[in-house]
Amino acid sequence: MRSQTKDLISDEAGTVALEYGLIASLFAIALITGLSSPGNKLSTSFWAVADAIVSNEDPEPPQPAAR
């Protein structure tokens, strides 16, 4: 039993995979955090444009360009 515990503690087979998993999860958290603020600002801009389009029920026709 003691030798099995010793072998389990000294076994490093999954260490690299675990480290890569931790790095990937930290990268994902940083990416989500970094992109959430610009995403919210972009969403607010799109909603402002949509509200402006909807509130303008009877738009004036475009004027021909002066030549």
PDB file of N, CA and C in Angstrom:
ATOM      1  N   MET A   1       0.821  -1.187   0.000  1.00  0.00           N
ATOM      2  CA  MET A   1       0.000   0.000   0.000  1.00  0.00           C
ATOM      3  C   MET A   1       0.869   1.256   0.000  1.00  0.00           C
ATOM      4  N   ARG A   2       1.922   1.205   0.777  1.00  0.00           N
ATOM      5  CA  ARG A   2       2.797   2.363   0.868  1.00  0.00           C
ATOM      6  C   ARG A   2       3.534   2.613  -0.451  1.00  0.00           C
ATOM      7  N   SER A   3       3.936   1.532  -1.124  1.00  0.00           N
ATOM      8  CA  SER A   3       4.640   1.687  -2.397  1.00  0.00           C
ATOM      9  C   SER A   3       3.699   2.206  -3.480  1.00  0.00           C
ATOM     10  N   GLN A   4       2.422   1.828  -3.415  1.00  0.00           N
ATOM     11  CA  GLN A   4       1.458   2.339  -4.387  1.00  0.00           C
ATOM     12  C   GLN A   4       1.251   3.842  -4.206  1.00  0.00           C
ATOM     13  N   THR A   5       1.188   4.273  -2.976  1.00  0.00           N
ATOM     14  CA  THR A   5       1.041   5.700  -2.696  1.00  0.00           C
ATOM     15  C   THR A   5       2.266   6.461  -3.165  1.00  0.00           C
ATOM     16  N   LYS A   6       3.427   5.896  -2.918  1.00  0.00           N
ATOM     17  CA  LYS A   6       4.671   6.523  -3.349  1.00  0.00           C
ATOM     18  C   LYS A   6       4.726   6.619  -4.879  1.00  0.00           C
ATOM     19  N   ASP A   7       4.315   5.540  -5.566  1.00  0.00           N
ATOM     20  CA  ASP A   7       4.281   5.541  -7.023  1.00  0.00           C
ATOM     21  C   ASP A   7       3.290   6.571  -7.558  1.00  0.00           C
ATOM     22  N   LEU A   8       2.148   6.698  -6.902  1.00  0.00           N
ATOM     23  CA  LEU A   8       1.131   7.650  -7.330  1.00  0.00           C
ATOM     24  C   LEU A   8       1.627   9.088  -7.192  1.00  0.00           C
ATOM     25  N   ILE A   9       2.326   9.381  -6.117  1.00  0.00           N
ATOM     26  CA  ILE A   9       2.855  10.719  -5.887  1.00  0.00           C
ATOM     27  C   ILE A   9       3.958  11.051  -6.879  1.00  0.00           C
ATOM     28  N   SER A  10       4.804  10.093  -7.216  1.00  0.00           N
ATOM     29  CA  SER A  10       5.924  10.363  -8.120  1.00  0.00           C
ATOM     30  C   SER A  10       5.535  10.288  -9.591  1.00  0.00           C
ATOM     31  N   ASP A  11       4.339   9.779  -9.908  1.00  0.00           N
ATOM     32  CA  ASP A  11       3.893   9.660 -11.293  1.00  0.00           C
ATOM     33  C   ASP A  11       3.586  11.049 -11.861  1.00  0.00           C
ATOM     34  N   GLU A  12       4.190  11.401 -12.979  1.00  0.00           N
ATOM     35  CA  GLU A  12       3.993  12.704 -13.609  1.00  0.00           C
ATOM     36  C   GLU A  12       3.376  12.576 -14.995  1.00  0.00           C
ATOM     37  N   ALA A  13       2.670  11.509 -15.254  1.00  0.00           N
ATOM     38  CA  ALA A  13       2.129  11.245 -16.588  1.00  0.00           C
ATOM     39  C   ALA A  13       1.108  12.300 -17.022  1.00  0.00           C
ATOM     40  N   GLY A  14       0.246  12.738 -16.154  1.00  0.00           N
ATOM     41  CA  GLY A  14      -0.797  13.686 -16.542  1.00  0.00           C
ATOM     42  C   GLY A  14      -0.469  15.127 -16.213  1.00  0.00           C
ATOM     43  N   THR A  15       0.723  15.377 -15.746  1.00  0.00           N
ATOM     44  CA  THR A  15       1.083  16.724 -15.311  1.00  0.00           C
ATOM     45  C   THR A  15       1.068  17.721 -16.458  1.00  0.00           C
ATOM     46  N   VAL A  16       1.634  17.354 -17.588  1.00  0.00           N
ATOM     47  CA  VAL A  16       1.708  18.273 -18.729  1.00  0.00           C
ATOM     48  C   VAL A  16       0.308  18.580 -19.237  1.00  0.00           C
ATOM     49  N   ALA A  17      -0.535  17.574 -19.333  1.00  0.00           N
ATOM     50  CA  ALA A  17      -1.902  17.789 -19.791  1.00  0.00           C
ATOM     51  C   ALA A  17      -2.658  18.710 -18.831  1.00  0.00           C
ATOM     52  N   LEU A  18      -2.443  18.511 -17.547  1.00  0.00           N
ATOM     53  CA  LEU A  18      -3.087  19.365 -16.558  1.00  0.00           C
ATOM     54  C   LEU A  18      -2.606  20.803 -16.679  1.00  0.00           C
ATOM     55  N   GLU A  19      -1.317  21.002 -16.879  1.00  0.00           N
ATOM     56  CA  GLU A  19      -0.776  22.353 -17.032  1.00  0.00           C
ATOM     57  C   GLU A  19      -1.339  23.029 -18.278  1.00  0.00           C
ATOM     58  N   TYR A  20      -1.415  22.286 -19.378  1.00  0.00           N
ATOM     59  CA  TYR A  20      -1.996  22.860 -20.598  1.00  0.00           C
ATOM     60  C   TYR A  20      -3.470  23.191 -20.399  1.00  0.00           C
ATOM     61  N   GLY A  21      -4.179  22.379 -19.661  1.00  0.00           N
ATOM     62  CA  GLY A  21      -5.574  22.662 -19.363  1.00  0.00           C
ATOM     63  C   GLY A  21      -5.743  23.927 -18.541  1.00  0.00           C
ATOM     64  N   LEU A  22      -4.877  24.111 -17.558  1.00  0.00           N
ATOM     65  CA  LEU A  22      -4.930  25.334 -16.748  1.00  0.00           C
ATOM     66  C   LEU A  22      -4.597  26.569 -17.575  1.00  0.00           C
ATOM     67  N   ILE A  23      -3.605  26.461 -18.435  1.00  0.00           N
ATOM     68  CA  ILE A  23      -3.236  27.590 -19.294  1.00  0.00           C
ATOM     69  C   ILE A  23      -4.388  27.928 -20.238  1.00  0.00           C
ATOM     70  N   ALA A  24      -5.009  26.905 -20.825  1.00  0.00           N
ATOM     71  CA  ALA A  24      -6.129  27.133 -21.739  1.00  0.00           C
ATOM     72  C   ALA A  24      -7.310  27.776 -21.021  1.00  0.00           C
ATOM     73  N   SER A  25      -7.583  27.342 -19.794  1.00  0.00           N
ATOM     74  CA  SER A  25      -8.708  27.928 -19.061  1.00  0.00           C
ATOM     75  C   SER A  25      -8.419  29.375 -18.670  1.00  0.00           C
ATOM     76  N   LEU A  26      -7.196  29.676 -18.289  1.00  0.00           N
ATOM     77  CA  LEU A  26      -6.844  31.070 -17.984  1.00  0.00           C
ATOM     78  C   LEU A  26      -6.932  31.946 -19.228  1.00  0.00           C
ATOM     79  N   PHE A  27      -6.506  31.412 -20.364  1.00  0.00           N
ATOM     80  CA  PHE A  27      -6.602  32.143 -21.622  1.00  0.00           C
ATOM     81  C   PHE A  27      -8.064  32.409 -21.977  1.00  0.00           C
ATOM     82  N   ALA A  28      -8.928  31.419 -21.782  1.00  0.00           N
ATOM     83  CA  ALA A  28     -10.353  31.585 -22.080  1.00  0.00           C
ATOM     84  C   ALA A  28     -10.986  32.640 -21.172  1.00  0.00           C
ATOM     85  N   ILE A  29     -10.641  32.618 -19.901  1.00  0.00           N
ATOM     86  CA  ILE A  29     -11.181  33.612 -18.968  1.00  0.00           C
ATOM     87  C   ILE A  29     -10.727  35.009 -19.358  1.00  0.00           C
ATOM     88  N   ALA A  30      -9.450  35.153 -19.706  1.00  0.00           N
ATOM     89  CA  ALA A  30      -8.938  36.462 -20.115  1.00  0.00           C
ATOM     90  C   ALA A  30      -9.616  36.928 -21.402  1.00  0.00           C
ATOM     91  N   LEU A  31      -9.834  36.030 -22.330  1.00  0.00           N
ATOM     92  CA  LEU A  31     -10.471  36.378 -23.593  1.00  0.00           C
ATOM     93  C   LEU A  31     -11.922  36.813 -23.385  1.00  0.00           C
ATOM     94  N   ILE A  32     -12.642  36.075 -22.579  1.00  0.00           N
ATOM     95  CA  ILE A  32     -14.046  36.425 -22.304  1.00  0.00           C
ATOM     96  C   ILE A  32     -14.131  37.763 -21.582  1.00  0.00           C
ATOM     97  N   THR A  33     -13.265  37.959 -20.606  1.00  0.00           N
ATOM     98  CA  THR A  33     -13.269  39.218 -19.856  1.00  0.00           C
ATOM     99  C   THR A  33     -12.895  40.392 -20.749  1.00  0.00           C
ATOM    100  N   GLY A  34     -11.893  40.199 -21.588  1.00  0.00           N
ATOM    101  CA  GLY A  34     -11.439  41.281 -22.465  1.00  0.00           C
ATOM    102  C   GLY A  34     -12.434  41.651 -23.536  1.00  0.00           C
ATOM    103  N   LEU A  35     -13.204  40.697 -24.011  1.00  0.00           N
ATOM    104  CA  LEU A  35     -14.138  40.977 -25.101  1.00  0.00           C
ATOM    105  C   LEU A  35     -15.534  41.348 -24.630  1.00  0.00           C
ATOM    106  N   SER A  36     -15.828  41.192 -23.360  1.00  0.00           N
ATOM    107  CA  SER A  36     -17.173  41.491 -22.895  1.00  0.00           C
ATOM    108  C   SER A  36     -17.458  42.990 -22.911  1.00  0.00           C
ATOM    109  N   SER A  37     -16.502  43.824 -22.579  1.00  0.00           N
ATOM    110  CA  SER A  37     -16.735  45.267 -22.563  1.00  0.00           C
ATOM    111  C   SER A  37     -16.949  45.831 -23.967  1.00  0.00           C
ATOM    112  N   PRO A  38     -16.087  45.566 -24.932  1.00  0.00           N
ATOM    113  CA  PRO A  38     -16.368  46.059 -26.283  1.00  0.00           C
ATOM    114  C   PRO A  38     -17.648  45.464 -26.858  1.00  0.00           C
ATOM    115  N   GLY A  39     -17.961  44.245 -26.502  1.00  0.00           N
ATOM    116  CA  GLY A  39     -19.196  43.625 -26.970  1.00  0.00           C
ATOM    117  C   GLY A  39     -20.421  44.355 -26.441  1.00  0.00           C
ATOM    118  N   ASN A  40     -20.384  44.762 -25.188  1.00  0.00           N
ATOM    119  CA  ASN A  40     -21.496  45.518 -24.613  1.00  0.00           C
ATOM    120  C   ASN A  40     -21.626  46.879 -25.276  1.00  0.00           C
ATOM    121  N   LYS A  41     -20.508  47.527 -25.544  1.00  0.00           N
ATOM    122  CA  LYS A  41     -20.548  48.838 -26.194  1.00  0.00           C
ATOM    123  C   LYS A  41     -21.092  48.715 -27.613  1.00  0.00           C
ATOM    124  N   LEU A  42     -20.690  47.673 -28.328  1.00  0.00           N
ATOM    125  CA  LEU A  42     -21.170  47.446 -29.679  1.00  0.00           C
ATOM    126  C   LEU A  42     -22.657  47.154 -29.674  1.00  0.00           C
ATOM    127  N   SER A  43     -23.103  46.369 -28.728  1.00  0.00           N
ATOM    128  CA  SER A  43     -24.527  46.061 -28.609  1.00  0.00           C
ATOM    129  C   SER A  43     -25.331  47.331 -28.339  1.00  0.00           C
ATOM    130  N   THR A  44     -24.822  48.191 -27.469  1.00  0.00           N
ATOM    131  CA  THR A  44     -25.493  49.451 -27.177  1.00  0.00           C
ATOM    132  C   THR A  44     -25.576  50.319 -28.424  1.00  0.00           C
ATOM    133  N   SER A  45     -24.515  50.338 -29.211  1.00  0.00           N
ATOM    134  CA  SER A  45     -24.518  51.129 -30.453  1.00  0.00           C
ATOM    135  C   SER A  45     -25.549  50.591 -31.439  1.00  0.00           C
ATOM    136  N   PHE A  46     -25.614  49.280 -31.606  1.00  0.00           N
ATOM    137  CA  PHE A  46     -26.586  48.697 -32.526  1.00  0.00           C
ATOM    138  C   PHE A  46     -28.011  48.990 -32.078  1.00  0.00           C
ATOM    139  N   TRP A  47     -28.265  48.913 -30.769  1.00  0.00           N
ATOM    140  CA  TRP A  47     -29.607  49.209 -30.276  1.00  0.00           C
ATOM    141  C   TRP A  47     -29.955  50.678 -30.491  1.00  0.00           C
ATOM    142  N   ALA A  48     -28.987  51.573 -30.359  1.00  0.00           N
ATOM    143  CA  ALA A  48     -29.239  52.997 -30.599  1.00  0.00           C
ATOM    144  C   ALA A  48     -29.610  53.228 -32.059  1.00  0.00           C
ATOM    145  N   VAL A  49     -28.908  52.563 -32.968  1.00  0.00           N
ATOM    146  CA  VAL A  49     -29.218  52.696 -34.388  1.00  0.00           C
ATOM    147  C   VAL A  49     -30.602  52.111 -34.680  1.00  0.00           C
ATOM    148  N   ALA A  50     -30.891  50.954 -34.104  1.00  0.00           N
ATOM    149  CA  ALA A  50     -32.201  50.329 -34.312  1.00  0.00           C
ATOM    150  C   ALA A  50     -33.323  51.218 -33.783  1.00  0.00           C
ATOM    151  N   ASP A  51     -33.131  51.818 -32.622  1.00  0.00           N
ATOM    152  CA  ASP A  51     -34.146  52.718 -32.072  1.00  0.00           C
ATOM    153  C   ASP A  51     -34.336  53.944 -32.960  1.00  0.00           C
ATOM    154  N   ALA A  52     -33.250  54.464 -33.503  1.00  0.00           N
ATOM    155  CA  ALA A  52     -33.342  55.626 -34.384  1.00  0.00           C
ATOM    156  C   ALA A  52     -34.103  55.273 -35.662  1.00  0.00           C
ATOM    157  N   ILE A  53     -33.884  54.075 -36.182  1.00  0.00           N
ATOM    158  CA  ILE A  53     -34.579  53.653 -37.395  1.00  0.00           C
ATOM    159  C   ILE A  53     -36.070  53.445 -37.114  1.00  0.00           C
ATOM    160  N   VAL A  54     -36.382  52.808 -35.999  1.00  0.00           N
ATOM    161  CA  VAL A  54     -37.770  52.523 -35.663  1.00  0.00           C
ATOM    162  C   VAL A  54     -38.526  53.799 -35.334  1.00  0.00           C
ATOM    163  N   SER A  55     -37.896  54.723 -34.648  1.00  0.00           N
ATOM    164  CA  SER A  55     -38.595  55.945 -34.246  1.00  0.00           C
ATOM    165  C   SER A  55     -38.856  56.870 -35.432  1.00  0.00           C
ATOM    166  N   ASN A  56     -38.160  56.706 -36.513  1.00  0.00           N
ATOM    167  CA  ASN A  56     -38.342  57.532 -37.706  1.00  0.00           C
ATOM    168  C   ASN A  56     -39.317  56.813 -38.638  1.00  0.00           C
ATOM    169  N   GLU A  57     -40.636  56.911 -38.323  1.00  0.00           N
ATOM    170  CA  GLU A  57     -41.629  56.146 -39.050  1.00  0.00           C
ATOM    171  C   GLU A  57     -41.864  56.646 -40.464  1.00  0.00           C
ATOM    172  N   ASP A  58     -41.780  57.946 -40.683  1.00  0.00           N
ATOM    173  CA  ASP A  58     -42.051  58.512 -42.008  1.00  0.00           C
ATOM    174  C   ASP A  58     -40.815  59.296 -42.469  1.00  0.00           C
ATOM    175  N   PRO A  59     -39.814  58.591 -42.934  1.00  0.00           N
ATOM    176  CA  PRO A  59     -38.594  59.298 -43.334  1.00  0.00           C
ATOM    177  C   PRO A  59     -38.796  60.087 -44.615  1.00  0.00           C
ATOM    178  N   GLU A  60     -38.057  61.148 -44.698  1.00  0.00           N
ATOM    179  CA  GLU A  60     -38.088  61.945 -45.929  1.00  0.00           C
ATOM    180  C   GLU A  60     -37.315  61.185 -47.016  1.00  0.00           C
ATOM    181  N   PRO A  61     -37.794  61.283 -48.248  1.00  0.00           N
ATOM    182  CA  PRO A  61     -37.057  60.600 -49.306  1.00  0.00           C
ATOM    183  C   PRO A  61     -35.689  61.265 -49.504  1.00  0.00           C
ATOM    184  N   PRO A  62     -34.721  60.499 -49.912  1.00  0.00           N
ATOM    185  CA  PRO A  62     -33.405  61.096 -50.111  1.00  0.00           C
ATOM    186  C   PRO A  62     -33.426  62.119 -51.241  1.00  0.00           C
ATOM    187  N   GLN A  63     -32.705  63.185 -51.049  1.00  0.00           N
ATOM    188  CA  GLN A  63     -32.601  64.250 -52.052  1.00  0.00           C
ATOM    189  C   GLN A  63     -31.565  63.851 -53.101  1.00  0.00           C
ATOM    190  N   PRO A  64     -31.832  64.174 -54.365  1.00  0.00           N
ATOM    191  CA  PRO A  64     -30.830  63.869 -55.386  1.00  0.00           C
ATOM    192  C   PRO A  64     -29.547  64.666 -55.138  1.00  0.00           C
ATOM    193  N   ALA A  65     -28.470  64.084 -55.476  1.00  0.00           N
ATOM    194  CA  ALA A  65     -27.177  64.745 -55.279  1.00  0.00           C
ATOM    195  C   ALA A  65     -27.029  65.909 -56.239  1.00  0.00           C
ATOM    196  N   ALA A  66     -26.477  67.010 -55.735  1.00  0.00           N
ATOM    197  CA  ALA A  66     -26.252  68.197 -56.576  1.00  0.00           C
ATOM    198  C   ALA A  66     -25.090  67.924 -57.517  1.00  0.00           C
ATOM    199  N   ARG A  67     -25.255  68.344 -58.768  1.00  0.00           N
ATOM    200  CA  ARG A  67     -24.179  68.089 -59.741  1.00  0.00           C
ATOM    201  C   ARG A  67     -23.492  69.361 -60.113  1.00  0.00           C
TER     202      ARG A  67
END
